[in-house]
Amino acid sequence: MTAKDNPNPFQDGSHSLAVGDDASDSPCIGVCTTLYDEICQGCGRTLSEVSNWVFLSQEEKDQVWKRIRADGTAMRFQRQIKENN
């Protein structure tokens, strides 16, 4: 679906968990998994960050976003790379 097909850009699916876009408040992409450590492989956040996300200040959230973007290994970022190629 394109913006032309749907006049309301907030209903075009681009801000969904499946897309994992940068406009989301949360880095969550709905793939919550850890493998012998405290880091979610889907979004790159620690278990504490995931559990407490709604309680973090915007500054704290921005720091988490900065860290997980710099790391870039979470599935969230791998999906974006694939979609852009």
PDB file of N, CA and C in Angstrom:
ATOM      1  N   MET A   1       0.841  -1.162   0.000  1.00  0.00           N
ATOM      2  CA  MET A   1       0.000   0.000   0.000  1.00  0.00           C
ATOM      3  C   MET A   1       0.891   1.230   0.000  1.00  0.00           C
ATOM      4  N   THR A   2       0.559   2.216  -0.774  1.00  0.00           N
ATOM      5  CA  THR A   2       1.329   3.454  -0.832  1.00  0.00           C
ATOM      6  C   THR A   2       0.502   4.586  -0.260  1.00  0.00           C
ATOM      7  N   ALA A   3       1.150   5.733  -0.061  1.00  0.00           N
ATOM      8  CA  ALA A   3       0.449   6.909   0.451  1.00  0.00           C
ATOM      9  C   ALA A   3      -0.671   7.318  -0.507  1.00  0.00           C
ATOM     10  N   LYS A   4      -0.479   7.062  -1.801  1.00  0.00           N
ATOM     11  CA  LYS A   4      -1.487   7.395  -2.803  1.00  0.00           C
ATOM     12  C   LYS A   4      -2.749   6.553  -2.594  1.00  0.00           C
ATOM     13  N   ASP A   5      -2.572   5.296  -2.201  1.00  0.00           N
ATOM     14  CA  ASP A   5      -3.694   4.390  -1.980  1.00  0.00           C
ATOM     15  C   ASP A   5      -4.455   4.716  -0.704  1.00  0.00           C
ATOM     16  N   ASN A   6      -3.764   5.279   0.257  1.00  0.00           N
ATOM     17  CA  ASN A   6      -4.360   5.563   1.552  1.00  0.00           C
ATOM     18  C   ASN A   6      -4.057   7.007   1.936  1.00  0.00           C
ATOM     19  N   PRO A   7      -5.048   7.874   1.939  1.00  0.00           N
ATOM     20  CA  PRO A   7      -4.806   9.279   2.232  1.00  0.00           C
ATOM     21  C   PRO A   7      -4.353   9.542   3.669  1.00  0.00           C
ATOM     22  N   ASN A   8      -4.576   8.610   4.581  1.00  0.00           N
ATOM     23  CA  ASN A   8      -4.160   8.785   5.966  1.00  0.00           C
ATOM     24  C   ASN A   8      -2.822   8.084   6.169  1.00  0.00           C
ATOM     25  N   PRO A   9      -1.699   8.838   6.228  1.00  0.00           N
ATOM     26  CA  PRO A   9      -0.377   8.214   6.334  1.00  0.00           C
ATOM     27  C   PRO A   9      -0.159   7.440   7.627  1.00  0.00           C
ATOM     28  N   PHE A  10      -0.981   7.676   8.640  1.00  0.00           N
ATOM     29  CA  PHE A  10      -0.797   6.970   9.904  1.00  0.00           C
ATOM     30  C   PHE A  10      -1.449   5.594   9.884  1.00  0.00           C
ATOM     31  N   GLN A  11      -2.128   5.244   8.797  1.00  0.00           N
ATOM     32  CA  GLN A  11      -2.760   3.938   8.680  1.00  0.00           C
ATOM     33  C   GLN A  11      -2.184   3.129   7.531  1.00  0.00           C
ATOM     34  N   ASP A  12      -1.004   3.486   7.055  1.00  0.00           N
ATOM     35  CA  ASP A  12      -0.433   2.764   5.923  1.00  0.00           C
ATOM     36  C   ASP A  12       0.451   1.592   6.339  1.00  0.00           C
ATOM     37  N   GLY A  13       0.543   1.331   7.636  1.00  0.00           N
ATOM     38  CA  GLY A  13       1.341   0.208   8.116  1.00  0.00           C
ATOM     39  C   GLY A  13       2.800   0.540   8.334  1.00  0.00           C
ATOM     40  N   SER A  14       3.224   1.746   7.995  1.00  0.00           N
ATOM     41  CA  SER A  14       4.641   2.077   8.103  1.00  0.00           C
ATOM     42  C   SER A  14       5.101   2.288   9.537  1.00  0.00           C
ATOM     43  N   HIS A  15       4.179   2.428  10.459  1.00  0.00           N
ATOM     44  CA  HIS A  15       4.553   2.618  11.858  1.00  0.00           C
ATOM     45  C   HIS A  15       4.198   1.401  12.698  1.00  0.00           C
ATOM     46  N   SER A  16       4.272   0.248  12.101  1.00  0.00           N
ATOM     47  CA  SER A  16       3.911  -0.982  12.800  1.00  0.00           C
ATOM     48  C   SER A  16       5.134  -1.671  13.380  1.00  0.00           C
ATOM     49  N   LEU A  17       4.906  -2.612  14.251  1.00  0.00           N
ATOM     50  CA  LEU A  17       5.999  -3.390  14.835  1.00  0.00           C
ATOM     51  C   LEU A  17       6.740  -4.170  13.763  1.00  0.00           C
ATOM     52  N   ALA A  18       6.026  -4.653  12.779  1.00  0.00           N
ATOM     53  CA  ALA A  18       6.653  -5.471  11.746  1.00  0.00           C
ATOM     54  C   ALA A  18       7.684  -4.703  10.940  1.00  0.00           C
ATOM     55  N   VAL A  19       7.450  -3.418  10.767  1.00  0.00           N
ATOM     56  CA  VAL A  19       8.367  -2.600   9.990  1.00  0.00           C
ATOM     57  C   VAL A  19       9.567  -2.189  10.830  1.00  0.00           C
ATOM     58  N   GLY A  20       9.337  -1.903  12.107  1.00  0.00           N
ATOM     59  CA  GLY A  20      10.443  -1.500  12.966  1.00  0.00           C
ATOM     60  C   GLY A  20      11.032  -0.174  12.557  1.00  0.00           C
ATOM     61  N   ASP A  21      10.178   0.793  12.267  1.00  0.00           N
ATOM     62  CA  ASP A  21      10.627   2.083  11.771  1.00  0.00           C
ATOM     63  C   ASP A  21      11.178   2.969  12.890  1.00  0.00           C
ATOM     64  N   ASP A  22      11.869   4.013  12.494  1.00  0.00           N
ATOM     65  CA  ASP A  22      12.468   4.932  13.457  1.00  0.00           C
ATOM     66  C   ASP A  22      11.464   5.888  14.079  1.00  0.00           C
ATOM     67  N   ALA A  23      10.255   5.982  13.535  1.00  0.00           N
ATOM     68  CA  ALA A  23       9.256   6.889  14.074  1.00  0.00           C
ATOM     69  C   ALA A  23       8.561   6.313  15.310  1.00  0.00           C
ATOM     70  N   SER A  24       8.769   5.061  15.617  1.00  0.00           N
ATOM     71  CA  SER A  24       8.154   4.428  16.776  1.00  0.00           C
ATOM     72  C   SER A  24       8.758   4.959  18.061  1.00  0.00           C
ATOM     73  N   ASP A  25       7.945   5.030  19.101  1.00  0.00           N
ATOM     74  CA  ASP A  25       8.470   5.405  20.410  1.00  0.00           C
ATOM     75  C   ASP A  25       9.375   4.306  20.938  1.00  0.00           C
ATOM     76  N   SER A  26       8.941   3.082  20.761  1.00  0.00           N
ATOM     77  CA  SER A  26       9.669   1.928  21.277  1.00  0.00           C
ATOM     78  C   SER A  26      10.421   1.209  20.162  1.00  0.00           C
ATOM     79  N   PRO A  27      11.598   0.703  20.458  1.00  0.00           N
ATOM     80  CA  PRO A  27      12.341  -0.075  19.467  1.00  0.00           C
ATOM     81  C   PRO A  27      11.772  -1.470  19.223  1.00  0.00           C
ATOM     82  N   CYS A  28      10.757  -1.865  19.974  1.00  0.00           N
ATOM     83  CA  CYS A  28      10.206  -3.214  19.870  1.00  0.00           C
ATOM     84  C   CYS A  28       9.697  -3.504  18.463  1.00  0.00           C
ATOM     85  N   ILE A  29      10.016  -4.701  17.962  1.00  0.00           N
ATOM     86  CA  ILE A  29       9.490  -5.162  16.676  1.00  0.00           C
ATOM     87  C   ILE A  29       8.659  -6.431  16.857  1.00  0.00           C
ATOM     88  N   GLY A  30       8.353  -6.768  18.108  1.00  0.00           N
ATOM     89  CA  GLY A  30       7.517  -7.924  18.386  1.00  0.00           C
ATOM     90  C   GLY A  30       8.247  -9.253  18.301  1.00  0.00           C
ATOM     91  N   VAL A  31       9.569  -9.219  18.295  1.00  0.00           N
ATOM     92  CA  VAL A  31      10.389 -10.429  18.287  1.00  0.00           C
ATOM     93  C   VAL A  31      11.213 -10.392  19.570  1.00  0.00           C
ATOM     94  N   CYS A  32      10.624 -10.844  20.638  1.00  0.00           N
ATOM     95  CA  CYS A  32      11.266 -10.750  21.946  1.00  0.00           C
ATOM     96  C   CYS A  32      11.992 -12.050  22.251  1.00  0.00           C
ATOM     97  N   THR A  33      13.295 -11.997  22.198  1.00  0.00           N
ATOM     98  CA  THR A  33      14.073 -13.202  22.446  1.00  0.00           C
ATOM     99  C   THR A  33      15.451 -12.841  22.965  1.00  0.00           C
ATOM    100  N   THR A  34      15.918 -13.627  23.916  1.00  0.00           N
ATOM    101  CA  THR A  34      17.281 -13.482  24.414  1.00  0.00           C
ATOM    102  C   THR A  34      17.947 -14.847  24.305  1.00  0.00           C
ATOM    103  N   LEU A  35      19.244 -14.835  24.220  1.00  0.00           N
ATOM    104  CA  LEU A  35      19.978 -16.082  24.101  1.00  0.00           C
ATOM    105  C   LEU A  35      21.143 -16.043  25.071  1.00  0.00           C
ATOM    106  N   TYR A  36      20.889 -16.514  26.275  1.00  0.00           N
ATOM    107  CA  TYR A  36      21.922 -16.620  27.309  1.00  0.00           C
ATOM    108  C   TYR A  36      22.517 -15.278  27.733  1.00  0.00           C
ATOM    109  N   ASP A  37      21.827 -14.196  27.478  1.00  0.00           N
ATOM    110  CA  ASP A  37      22.293 -12.908  27.988  1.00  0.00           C
ATOM    111  C   ASP A  37      21.078 -12.035  28.290  1.00  0.00           C
ATOM    112  N   GLU A  38      21.310 -10.793  28.585  1.00  0.00           N
ATOM    113  CA  GLU A  38      20.241  -9.885  28.997  1.00  0.00           C
ATOM    114  C   GLU A  38      19.803  -8.956  27.880  1.00  0.00           C
ATOM    115  N   ILE A  39      20.163  -9.238  26.635  1.00  0.00           N
ATOM    116  CA  ILE A  39      19.859  -8.349  25.522  1.00  0.00           C
ATOM    117  C   ILE A  39      18.830  -8.998  24.596  1.00  0.00           C
ATOM    118  N   CYS A  40      17.758  -8.270  24.296  1.00  0.00           N
ATOM    119  CA  CYS A  40      16.752  -8.764  23.365  1.00  0.00           C
ATOM    120  C   CYS A  40      17.342  -8.733  21.958  1.00  0.00           C
ATOM    121  N   GLN A  41      17.272  -9.848  21.269  1.00  0.00           N
ATOM    122  CA  GLN A  41      17.819  -9.926  19.917  1.00  0.00           C
ATOM    123  C   GLN A  41      16.940  -9.196  18.909  1.00  0.00           C
ATOM    124  N   GLY A  42      15.681  -8.963  19.250  1.00  0.00           N
ATOM    125  CA  GLY A  42      14.775  -8.247  18.358  1.00  0.00           C
ATOM    126  C   GLY A  42      15.044  -6.757  18.317  1.00  0.00           C
ATOM    127  N   CYS A  43      15.159  -6.140  19.501  1.00  0.00           N
ATOM    128  CA  CYS A  43      15.301  -4.685  19.557  1.00  0.00           C
ATOM    129  C   CYS A  43      16.654  -4.196  20.064  1.00  0.00           C
ATOM    130  N   GLY A  44      17.404  -5.045  20.737  1.00  0.00           N
ATOM    131  CA  GLY A  44      18.718  -4.650  21.234  1.00  0.00           C
ATOM    132  C   GLY A  44      18.730  -4.041  22.619  1.00  0.00           C
ATOM    133  N   ARG A  45      17.565  -3.974  23.267  1.00  0.00           N
ATOM    134  CA  ARG A  45      17.513  -3.408  24.621  1.00  0.00           C
ATOM    135  C   ARG A  45      17.793  -4.471  25.671  1.00  0.00           C
ATOM    136  N   THR A  46      18.204  -4.022  26.843  1.00  0.00           N
ATOM    137  CA  THR A  46      18.372  -4.938  27.964  1.00  0.00           C
ATOM    138  C   THR A  46      16.989  -5.322  28.483  1.00  0.00           C
ATOM    139  N   LEU A  47      16.927  -6.407  29.235  1.00  0.00           N
ATOM    140  CA  LEU A  47      15.644  -6.817  29.813  1.00  0.00           C
ATOM    141  C   LEU A  47      15.085  -5.730  30.718  1.00  0.00           C
ATOM    142  N   SER A  48      15.934  -5.045  31.441  1.00  0.00           N
ATOM    143  CA  SER A  48      15.500  -3.950  32.306  1.00  0.00           C
ATOM    144  C   SER A  48      14.914  -2.802  31.486  1.00  0.00           C
ATOM    145  N   GLU A  49      15.549  -2.484  30.363  1.00  0.00           N
ATOM    146  CA  GLU A  49      15.041  -1.406  29.509  1.00  0.00           C
ATOM    147  C   GLU A  49      13.687  -1.768  28.908  1.00  0.00           C
ATOM    148  N   VAL A  50      13.538  -3.017  28.506  1.00  0.00           N
ATOM    149  CA  VAL A  50      12.262  -3.478  27.961  1.00  0.00           C
ATOM    150  C   VAL A  50      11.181  -3.385  29.034  1.00  0.00           C
ATOM    151  N   SER A  51      11.471  -3.896  30.216  1.00  0.00           N
ATOM    152  CA  SER A  51      10.497  -3.932  31.313  1.00  0.00           C
ATOM    153  C   SER A  51      10.099  -2.550  31.800  1.00  0.00           C
ATOM    154  N   ASN A  52      11.029  -1.620  31.769  1.00  0.00           N
ATOM    155  CA  ASN A  52      10.785  -0.298  32.331  1.00  0.00           C
ATOM    156  C   ASN A  52      10.587   0.795  31.294  1.00  0.00           C
ATOM    157  N   TRP A  53      10.460   0.439  30.019  1.00  0.00           N
ATOM    158  CA  TRP A  53      10.402   1.420  28.934  1.00  0.00           C
ATOM    159  C   TRP A  53       9.372   2.523  29.184  1.00  0.00           C
ATOM    160  N   VAL A  54       8.183   2.153  29.624  1.00  0.00           N
ATOM    161  CA  VAL A  54       7.117   3.144  29.821  1.00  0.00           C
ATOM    162  C   VAL A  54       7.433   4.119  30.950  1.00  0.00           C
ATOM    163  N   PHE A  55       8.373   3.760  31.807  1.00  0.00           N
ATOM    164  CA  PHE A  55       8.729   4.624  32.927  1.00  0.00           C
ATOM    165  C   PHE A  55       9.953   5.495  32.651  1.00  0.00           C
ATOM    166  N   LEU A  56      10.658   5.237  31.546  1.00  0.00           N
ATOM    167  CA  LEU A  56      11.858   6.007  31.228  1.00  0.00           C
ATOM    168  C   LEU A  56      11.489   7.399  30.728  1.00  0.00           C
ATOM    169  N   SER A  57      12.331   8.363  31.047  1.00  0.00           N
ATOM    170  CA  SER A  57      12.145   9.715  30.518  1.00  0.00           C
ATOM    171  C   SER A  57      12.503   9.717  29.038  1.00  0.00           C
ATOM    172  N   GLN A  58      12.117  10.759  28.330  1.00  0.00           N
ATOM    173  CA  GLN A  58      12.457  10.850  26.912  1.00  0.00           C
ATOM    174  C   GLN A  58      13.969  10.877  26.728  1.00  0.00           C
ATOM    175  N   GLU A  59      14.676  11.520  27.626  1.00  0.00           N
ATOM    176  CA  GLU A  59      16.145  11.564  27.551  1.00  0.00           C
ATOM    177  C   GLU A  59      16.743  10.161  27.699  1.00  0.00           C
ATOM    178  N   GLU A  60      16.209   9.379  28.632  1.00  0.00           N
ATOM    179  CA  GLU A  60      16.683   8.007  28.818  1.00  0.00           C
ATOM    180  C   GLU A  60      16.379   7.155  27.585  1.00  0.00           C
ATOM    181  N   LYS A  61      15.171   7.321  27.015  1.00  0.00           N
ATOM    182  CA  LYS A  61      14.818   6.587  25.806  1.00  0.00           C
ATOM    183  C   LYS A  61      15.750   6.958  24.657  1.00  0.00           C
ATOM    184  N   ASP A  62      16.045   8.249  24.536  1.00  0.00           N
ATOM    185  CA  ASP A  62      16.949   8.704  23.471  1.00  0.00           C
ATOM    186  C   ASP A  62      18.328   8.080  23.608  1.00  0.00           C
ATOM    187  N   GLN A  63      18.803   7.924  24.836  1.00  0.00           N
ATOM    188  CA  GLN A  63      20.108   7.296  25.064  1.00  0.00           C
ATOM    189  C   GLN A  63      20.087   5.823  24.662  1.00  0.00           C
ATOM    190  N   VAL A  64      19.000   5.141  24.965  1.00  0.00           N
ATOM    191  CA  VAL A  64      18.866   3.733  24.567  1.00  0.00           C
ATOM    192  C   VAL A  64      18.860   3.634  23.048  1.00  0.00           C
ATOM    193  N   TRP A  65      18.046   4.482  22.390  1.00  0.00           N
ATOM    194  CA  TRP A  65      18.001   4.494  20.926  1.00  0.00           C
ATOM    195  C   TRP A  65      19.389   4.732  20.348  1.00  0.00           C
ATOM    196  N   LYS A  66      20.104   5.669  20.913  1.00  0.00           N
ATOM    197  CA  LYS A  66      21.453   5.995  20.422  1.00  0.00           C
ATOM    198  C   LYS A  66      22.370   4.774  20.522  1.00  0.00           C
ATOM    199  N   ARG A  67      22.314   4.085  21.663  1.00  0.00           N
ATOM    200  CA  ARG A  67      23.159   2.922  21.876  1.00  0.00           C
ATOM    201  C   ARG A  67      22.814   1.771  20.939  1.00  0.00           C
ATOM    202  N   ILE A  68      21.532   1.461  20.795  1.00  0.00           N
ATOM    203  CA  ILE A  68      21.161   0.316  19.959  1.00  0.00           C
ATOM    204  C   ILE A  68      21.380   0.617  18.474  1.00  0.00           C
ATOM    205  N   ARG A  69      21.233   1.886  18.071  1.00  0.00           N
ATOM    206  CA  ARG A  69      21.546   2.249  16.678  1.00  0.00           C
ATOM    207  C   ARG A  69      23.047   2.104  16.413  1.00  0.00           C
ATOM    208  N   ALA A  70      23.848   2.562  17.370  1.00  0.00           N
ATOM    209  CA  ALA A  70      25.307   2.466  17.205  1.00  0.00           C
ATOM    210  C   ALA A  70      25.743   1.012  17.134  1.00  0.00           C
ATOM    211  N   ASP A  71      25.122   0.160  17.942  1.00  0.00           N
ATOM    212  CA  ASP A  71      25.446  -1.263  17.922  1.00  0.00           C
ATOM    213  C   ASP A  71      24.962  -1.888  16.615  1.00  0.00           C
ATOM    214  N   GLY A  72      23.714  -1.640  16.260  1.00  0.00           N
ATOM    215  CA  GLY A  72      23.168  -2.062  14.973  1.00  0.00           C
ATOM    216  C   GLY A  72      23.020  -3.546  14.732  1.00  0.00           C
ATOM    217  N   THR A  73      23.145  -4.377  15.769  1.00  0.00           N
ATOM    218  CA  THR A  73      23.085  -5.821  15.555  1.00  0.00           C
ATOM    219  C   THR A  73      21.704  -6.421  15.781  1.00  0.00           C
ATOM    220  N   ALA A  74      20.783  -5.679  16.371  1.00  0.00           N
ATOM    221  CA  ALA A  74      19.444  -6.199  16.643  1.00  0.00           C
ATOM    222  C   ALA A  74      18.698  -6.467  15.341  1.00  0.00           C
ATOM    223  N   MET A  75      17.762  -7.423  15.375  1.00  0.00           N
ATOM    224  CA  MET A  75      16.963  -7.761  14.200  1.00  0.00           C
ATOM    225  C   MET A  75      16.278  -6.535  13.619  1.00  0.00           C
ATOM    226  N   ARG A  76      15.904  -5.592  14.481  1.00  0.00           N
ATOM    227  CA  ARG A  76      15.257  -4.353  14.042  1.00  0.00           C
ATOM    228  C   ARG A  76      16.065  -3.681  12.950  1.00  0.00           C
ATOM    229  N   PHE A  77      17.370  -3.628  13.115  1.00  0.00           N
ATOM    230  CA  PHE A  77      18.228  -2.927  12.165  1.00  0.00           C
ATOM    231  C   PHE A  77      18.564  -3.805  10.965  1.00  0.00           C
ATOM    232  N   GLN A  78      18.608  -5.110  11.164  1.00  0.00           N
ATOM    233  CA  GLN A  78      18.861  -6.011  10.051  1.00  0.00           C
ATOM    234  C   GLN A  78      17.691  -5.982   9.068  1.00  0.00           C
ATOM    235  N   ARG A  79      16.473  -5.871   9.589  1.00  0.00           N
ATOM    236  CA  ARG A  79      15.283  -5.766   8.737  1.00  0.00           C
ATOM    237  C   ARG A  79      15.339  -4.484   7.913  1.00  0.00           C
ATOM    238  N   GLN A  80      15.729  -3.390   8.543  1.00  0.00           N
ATOM    239  CA  GLN A  80      15.783  -2.110   7.825  1.00  0.00           C
ATOM    240  C   GLN A  80      16.826  -2.160   6.711  1.00  0.00           C
ATOM    241  N   ILE A  81      17.941  -2.806   6.960  1.00  0.00           N
ATOM    242  CA  ILE A  81      18.986  -2.926   5.946  1.00  0.00           C
ATOM    243  C   ILE A  81      18.458  -3.712   4.743  1.00  0.00           C
ATOM    244  N   LYS A  82      17.772  -4.841   5.019  1.00  0.00           N
ATOM    245  CA  LYS A  82      17.217  -5.661   3.952  1.00  0.00           C
ATOM    246  C   LYS A  82      16.161  -4.916   3.144  1.00  0.00           C
ATOM    247  N   GLU A  83      15.304  -4.147   3.835  1.00  0.00           N
ATOM    248  CA  GLU A  83      14.236  -3.419   3.159  1.00  0.00           C
ATOM    249  C   GLU A  83      14.794  -2.299   2.288  1.00  0.00           C
ATOM    250  N   ASN A  84      15.915  -1.747   2.661  1.00  0.00           N
ATOM    251  CA  ASN A  84      16.484  -0.620   1.913  1.00  0.00           C
ATOM    252  C   ASN A  84      17.378  -1.066   0.764  1.00  0.00           C
ATOM    253  N   ASN A  85      17.649  -2.352   0.653  1.00  0.00           N
ATOM    254  CA  ASN A  85      18.501  -2.859  -0.434  1.00  0.00           C
ATOM    255  C   ASN A  85      17.686  -3.456  -1.539  1.00  0.00           C
TER     256      ASN A  85
END
